[in-house]
Amino acid sequence: MRIDLNSDLGESFGRWELGDDAALLSIVTSANVACGFHAGDPTVLRTTCEQAVERGVTIGAQVGYRDLAGVGRRFIDVPPADLTNDVLYQIGALDAMARVSGDRVRYVKPHGALYNAIVRHEEQAAAVVEAVLAYDPALPVMGLPGSAWLRLAEEAGLSTIQEAFADRAYTPEGTLVPRGASGAVLHDAAEIAERCLRIVRRQPVTAVDGTPVLIEADSLCVHGDSPGAVHIARTVADRLGSAGVAIAPFAAVPAS
C-alpha cells in the first residue's frame, strides 16, 4: 500500500503568517502552493518552492478565486472565460517560481470555494479544465472523487488524482461538510490518523450523520492552517508508516 500526503502551503501574505510550511514540508510528499490570488505573495511563493525542492517535495499549483480577503473560501460567479484566464495566470506565476527554484509545477489542485463549486458547477469545472489543457495537458489534476471537475478532466484526457481529506468531515454522499457547519473540521490527531488508515485500506469511514461512507483516494490532504496541523500530519504519517503504508508522491520528482 502507498499513498501521497499533501498540504496547502504558501498561504502567508506579507507580514501575515499562516501555518508552519517548513515543518509540514518535512512530512508531506506533495505541496499545494498558493498562487497569489487567494493567498500568498511572490516572496512567499518562491520561498515555498525553494523549500519544497530542497526537501524533494512535489510542487502543485493551488489555484483559487481572486479573493485575498476571504482566503478563497467565498464562491464568486466568475464568467467561464475569465475563470480560465485566472487559472492560467496562477499556474504560470507559480511555475515561474518553481522553475527558478529548480523544479516546475507538476499538478493542479483548486482551492477552497472553487474546489467545492466545481464538484457540481459544470461551467466552472469546464473552465478550469480548459486552463490546464491550454497550459500543459500533461499536468495531472487533483480533486474530489465523483466531482464534475474530475469527470470533465478525465473526458478531456487529463490524468486525475482522487483526494481525501484527513481532517474534514464527510456527508453521506462523500462530499465535504461545509466549514461553517458543526463538526466540519476534525482536531483529534489519533482519530484522524485512524480514519486515514481506513481510507487507504479502502474501508468505510463514518459520515457526519453516523452512516458509513467509502472514500476513494490517491492522496490525503492535511490542512496546513488547521490548529495543530504539524502534529496531525506527523501523527498521520507515523500511523500509516507503522501499518506498512508507503508515503510517496503520485507525481515523482526526477533526480537532478
Protein backbone atom coordinates (compact mmCIF):
# COMPACT_ATOMS: atom_id res chain seq x y z
CA MET A 1 0.00 0.00 0.00
CA ARG A 2 1.12 3.54 -0.77
CA ILE A 3 -0.43 6.99 -0.55
CA ASP A 4 0.54 10.58 -1.27
CA LEU A 5 0.29 13.08 1.60
CA ASN A 6 -0.39 16.68 0.56
CA SER A 7 -0.95 20.03 2.25
CA ASP A 8 -2.00 23.56 1.23
CA LEU A 9 1.10 25.72 1.70
CA GLY A 10 2.48 29.12 0.72
CA GLU A 11 -0.59 30.89 2.11
CA SER A 12 1.15 33.63 4.13
CA PHE A 13 0.99 37.20 2.83
CA GLY A 14 3.43 39.97 3.68
CA ARG A 15 3.76 40.19 7.46
CA TRP A 16 0.72 37.94 7.95
CA GLU A 17 1.89 34.36 8.51
CA LEU A 18 -0.28 31.27 8.20
CA GLY A 19 0.89 27.79 9.14
CA ASP A 20 4.34 26.26 9.54
CA ASP A 21 5.31 25.46 5.96
CA ALA A 22 8.87 24.44 6.76
CA ALA A 23 7.74 21.83 9.28
CA LEU A 24 5.00 20.46 7.03
CA LEU A 25 7.42 20.16 4.11
CA SER A 26 9.45 17.74 6.22
CA ILE A 27 6.38 15.47 6.44
CA VAL A 28 4.24 15.73 3.29
CA THR A 29 5.18 14.46 -0.17
CA SER A 30 3.21 16.99 -2.25
CA ALA A 31 2.77 20.73 -1.66
CA ASN A 32 -0.29 22.57 -2.98
CA VAL A 33 1.30 26.02 -3.21
CA ALA A 34 -0.98 29.07 -3.32
CA CYS A 35 -0.61 31.19 -6.45
CA GLY A 36 -1.29 34.71 -5.18
CA PHE A 37 -5.00 35.14 -5.95
CA HIS A 38 -6.48 33.81 -2.71
CA ALA A 39 -3.26 33.65 -0.65
CA GLY A 40 0.50 34.02 -0.93
CA ASP A 41 2.71 36.75 -2.36
CA PRO A 42 5.68 36.45 -4.77
CA THR A 43 8.26 36.13 -1.99
CA VAL A 44 6.18 33.53 -0.14
CA LEU A 45 5.61 31.55 -3.34
CA ARG A 46 9.29 31.48 -4.26
CA THR A 47 10.40 30.63 -0.72
CA THR A 48 7.89 27.78 -0.51
CA CYS A 49 9.01 26.39 -3.86
CA GLU A 50 12.67 26.58 -2.83
CA GLN A 51 11.92 24.73 0.41
CA ALA A 52 9.90 22.10 -1.45
CA VAL A 53 12.72 21.48 -3.92
CA GLU A 54 15.24 21.27 -1.09
CA ARG A 55 13.15 18.55 0.59
CA GLY A 56 12.18 16.67 -2.59
CA VAL A 57 8.50 17.55 -2.25
CA THR A 58 6.37 17.72 -5.40
CA ILE A 59 5.03 21.19 -6.25
CA GLY A 60 1.39 21.65 -7.27
CA ALA A 61 -0.47 24.83 -8.23
CA GLN A 62 -3.19 25.59 -5.68
CA VAL A 63 -5.48 27.77 -7.81
CA GLY A 64 -8.47 29.69 -6.47
CA TYR A 65 -10.81 32.62 -6.86
CA ARG A 66 -9.43 36.16 -6.80
CA ASP A 67 -10.29 36.55 -3.10
CA LEU A 68 -7.45 37.55 -0.78
CA ALA A 69 -9.79 38.93 1.88
CA GLY A 70 -11.74 35.67 2.08
CA VAL A 71 -8.75 33.38 1.55
CA GLY A 72 -10.60 31.92 -1.42
CA ARG A 73 -13.42 30.49 0.66
CA ARG A 74 -16.23 32.58 -0.86
CA PHE A 75 -17.96 31.50 -4.09
CA ILE A 76 -17.55 34.00 -6.92
CA ASP A 77 -19.71 33.75 -10.04
CA VAL A 78 -16.83 34.28 -12.46
CA PRO A 79 -17.64 34.09 -16.19
CA PRO A 80 -16.06 30.89 -17.56
CA ALA A 81 -13.65 32.67 -19.93
CA ASP A 82 -12.40 34.89 -17.11
CA LEU A 83 -12.00 31.90 -14.80
CA THR A 84 -9.96 30.07 -17.43
CA ASN A 85 -7.63 33.03 -17.74
CA ASP A 86 -7.41 33.48 -13.96
CA VAL A 87 -6.33 29.86 -13.57
CA LEU A 88 -3.85 30.14 -16.45
CA TYR A 89 -2.33 33.22 -14.83
CA GLN A 90 -1.95 31.45 -11.49
CA ILE A 91 -0.36 28.30 -12.89
CA GLY A 92 2.07 30.39 -14.90
CA ALA A 93 3.03 32.54 -11.92
CA LEU A 94 3.76 29.57 -9.68
CA ASP A 95 5.52 27.68 -12.47
CA ALA A 96 7.93 30.61 -12.84
CA MET A 97 8.78 30.46 -9.13
CA ALA A 98 9.09 26.67 -9.25
CA ARG A 99 11.44 26.78 -12.25
CA VAL A 100 13.82 29.33 -10.77
CA SER A 101 13.83 27.12 -7.65
CA GLY A 102 14.93 24.09 -9.65
CA ASP A 103 11.69 22.27 -10.49
CA ARG A 104 8.30 23.04 -12.08
CA VAL A 105 4.58 22.76 -11.35
CA ARG A 106 3.66 19.09 -11.59
CA TYR A 107 -0.11 19.09 -10.89
CA VAL A 108 -3.06 21.43 -10.32
CA LYS A 109 -5.44 21.47 -7.35
CA PRO A 110 -8.28 24.00 -6.98
CA HIS A 111 -8.65 25.62 -3.57
CA GLY A 112 -11.46 26.42 -1.15
CA ALA A 113 -14.73 27.64 -2.64
CA LEU A 114 -13.56 26.88 -6.18
CA TYR A 115 -12.73 23.30 -5.16
CA ASN A 116 -16.22 22.85 -3.71
CA ALA A 117 -18.03 24.71 -6.50
CA ILE A 118 -16.66 22.53 -9.28
CA VAL A 119 -17.85 19.39 -7.59
CA ARG A 120 -21.20 20.22 -9.28
CA HIS A 121 -20.77 23.52 -11.19
CA GLU A 122 -20.27 22.22 -14.73
CA GLU A 123 -19.38 25.56 -16.37
CA GLN A 124 -16.72 26.49 -13.86
CA ALA A 125 -15.35 22.96 -13.83
CA ALA A 126 -15.03 23.05 -17.61
CA ALA A 127 -13.32 26.45 -17.41
CA VAL A 128 -10.63 25.12 -15.06
CA VAL A 129 -10.15 22.05 -17.27
CA GLU A 130 -9.69 24.35 -20.28
CA ALA A 131 -6.99 26.30 -18.43
CA VAL A 132 -4.99 23.18 -17.59
CA LEU A 133 -5.31 21.87 -21.15
CA ALA A 134 -4.11 25.19 -22.53
CA TYR A 135 -1.13 25.39 -20.20
CA ASP A 136 0.07 21.78 -20.23
CA PRO A 137 -2.20 18.79 -20.99
CA ALA A 138 0.36 16.53 -19.30
CA LEU A 139 -0.37 18.09 -15.89
CA PRO A 140 -2.40 15.82 -13.57
CA VAL A 141 -5.28 17.41 -11.68
CA MET A 142 -6.45 16.73 -8.13
CA GLY A 143 -9.97 16.83 -6.77
CA LEU A 144 -12.89 15.19 -5.01
CA PRO A 145 -13.93 11.71 -6.25
CA GLY A 146 -17.18 11.86 -8.19
CA SER A 147 -16.86 15.58 -8.94
CA ALA A 148 -17.75 17.22 -12.25
CA TRP A 149 -14.19 18.57 -12.22
CA LEU A 150 -12.52 15.16 -12.30
CA ARG A 151 -15.10 13.74 -14.71
CA LEU A 152 -14.61 16.55 -17.24
CA ALA A 153 -10.84 16.44 -16.77
CA GLU A 154 -10.76 12.72 -17.47
CA GLU A 155 -13.01 13.14 -20.52
CA ALA A 156 -10.55 15.76 -21.79
CA GLY A 157 -7.64 13.35 -21.43
CA LEU A 158 -6.10 14.77 -18.26
CA SER A 159 -4.70 12.45 -15.58
CA THR A 160 -6.75 12.67 -12.39
CA ILE A 161 -5.83 12.22 -8.72
CA GLN A 162 -8.61 11.43 -6.28
CA GLU A 163 -8.19 13.22 -2.96
CA ALA A 164 -9.45 12.55 0.56
CA PHE A 165 -9.24 14.96 3.48
CA ALA A 166 -7.64 13.77 6.69
CA ASP A 167 -9.15 16.44 8.93
CA ARG A 168 -12.54 17.17 7.34
CA ALA A 169 -15.91 15.54 7.98
CA TYR A 170 -17.85 13.96 5.11
CA THR A 171 -21.52 13.90 4.19
CA PRO A 172 -23.19 10.55 3.42
CA GLU A 173 -22.77 11.44 -0.29
CA GLY A 174 -18.99 11.64 0.05
CA THR A 175 -18.76 15.44 -0.18
CA LEU A 176 -17.19 17.71 2.43
CA VAL A 177 -19.29 19.10 5.26
CA PRO A 178 -19.28 22.93 4.81
CA ARG A 179 -16.70 24.60 7.06
CA GLY A 180 -19.36 26.65 8.84
CA ALA A 181 -21.24 23.55 9.99
CA SER A 182 -20.71 21.95 13.38
CA GLY A 183 -18.09 19.19 13.31
CA ALA A 184 -16.84 20.07 9.82
CA VAL A 185 -13.19 20.15 10.89
CA LEU A 186 -11.64 17.33 12.92
CA HIS A 187 -8.98 18.01 15.56
CA ASP A 188 -8.13 14.72 17.32
CA ALA A 189 -4.84 13.62 15.74
CA ALA A 190 -5.17 9.94 16.71
CA GLU A 191 -8.74 9.76 15.38
CA ILE A 192 -7.71 11.47 12.15
CA ALA A 193 -4.81 9.05 11.69
CA GLU A 194 -7.08 6.02 12.12
CA ARG A 195 -9.55 7.46 9.60
CA CYS A 196 -6.71 7.93 7.13
CA LEU A 197 -5.60 4.34 7.55
CA ARG A 198 -9.16 3.15 6.87
CA ILE A 199 -9.30 5.27 3.72
CA VAL A 200 -6.00 3.84 2.46
CA ARG A 201 -7.25 0.33 3.19
CA ARG A 202 -10.48 1.11 1.24
CA GLN A 203 -12.59 0.69 4.34
CA PRO A 204 -15.58 2.99 5.02
CA VAL A 205 -15.32 5.88 7.46
CA THR A 206 -18.13 7.41 9.48
CA ALA A 207 -20.00 10.29 7.82
CA VAL A 208 -21.26 13.27 9.82
CA ASP A 209 -24.66 11.60 10.29
CA GLY A 210 -23.10 8.38 11.61
CA THR A 211 -23.52 6.31 8.45
CA PRO A 212 -20.57 4.58 6.71
CA VAL A 213 -19.17 6.17 3.56
CA LEU A 214 -16.42 4.82 1.29
CA ILE A 215 -13.86 7.43 0.18
CA GLU A 216 -11.55 6.74 -2.77
CA ALA A 217 -8.12 8.36 -2.51
CA ASP A 218 -4.78 8.55 -4.29
CA SER A 219 -3.73 11.41 -1.99
CA LEU A 220 -4.58 12.52 1.54
CA CYS A 221 -4.74 16.23 2.41
CA VAL A 222 -3.80 17.63 5.81
CA HIS A 223 -4.70 21.31 6.01
CA GLY A 224 -1.71 23.47 6.85
CA ASP A 225 -3.84 26.15 8.51
CA SER A 226 -5.63 23.87 10.98
CA PRO A 227 -4.76 24.14 14.69
CA GLY A 228 -2.07 21.56 15.41
CA ALA A 229 -1.55 20.90 11.69
CA VAL A 230 2.06 19.78 12.09
CA HIS A 231 1.21 17.39 14.93
CA ILE A 232 -1.72 15.99 12.94
CA ALA A 233 0.38 15.48 9.80
CA ARG A 234 3.16 13.78 11.76
CA THR A 235 0.67 11.53 13.58
CA VAL A 236 -0.94 10.53 10.28
CA ALA A 237 2.44 9.80 8.66
CA ASP A 238 3.62 7.78 11.68
CA ARG A 239 0.39 5.75 11.86
CA LEU A 240 0.43 4.94 8.16
CA GLY A 241 4.10 4.04 8.28
CA SER A 242 3.60 1.74 11.26
CA ALA A 243 0.86 -0.05 9.30
CA GLY A 244 3.18 -0.66 6.35
CA VAL A 245 1.81 2.11 4.13
CA ALA A 246 4.47 3.81 1.99
CA ILE A 247 4.07 7.59 1.79
CA ALA A 248 5.20 8.72 -1.65
CA PRO A 249 4.24 11.44 -4.16
CA PHE A 250 1.94 10.44 -7.00
CA ALA A 251 3.94 12.77 -9.27
CA ALA A 252 7.55 11.84 -8.62
CA VAL A 253 10.26 14.47 -8.92
CA PRO A 254 13.05 13.23 -11.22
CA ALA A 255 16.52 13.13 -9.69
CA SER A 256 18.65 16.10 -10.67
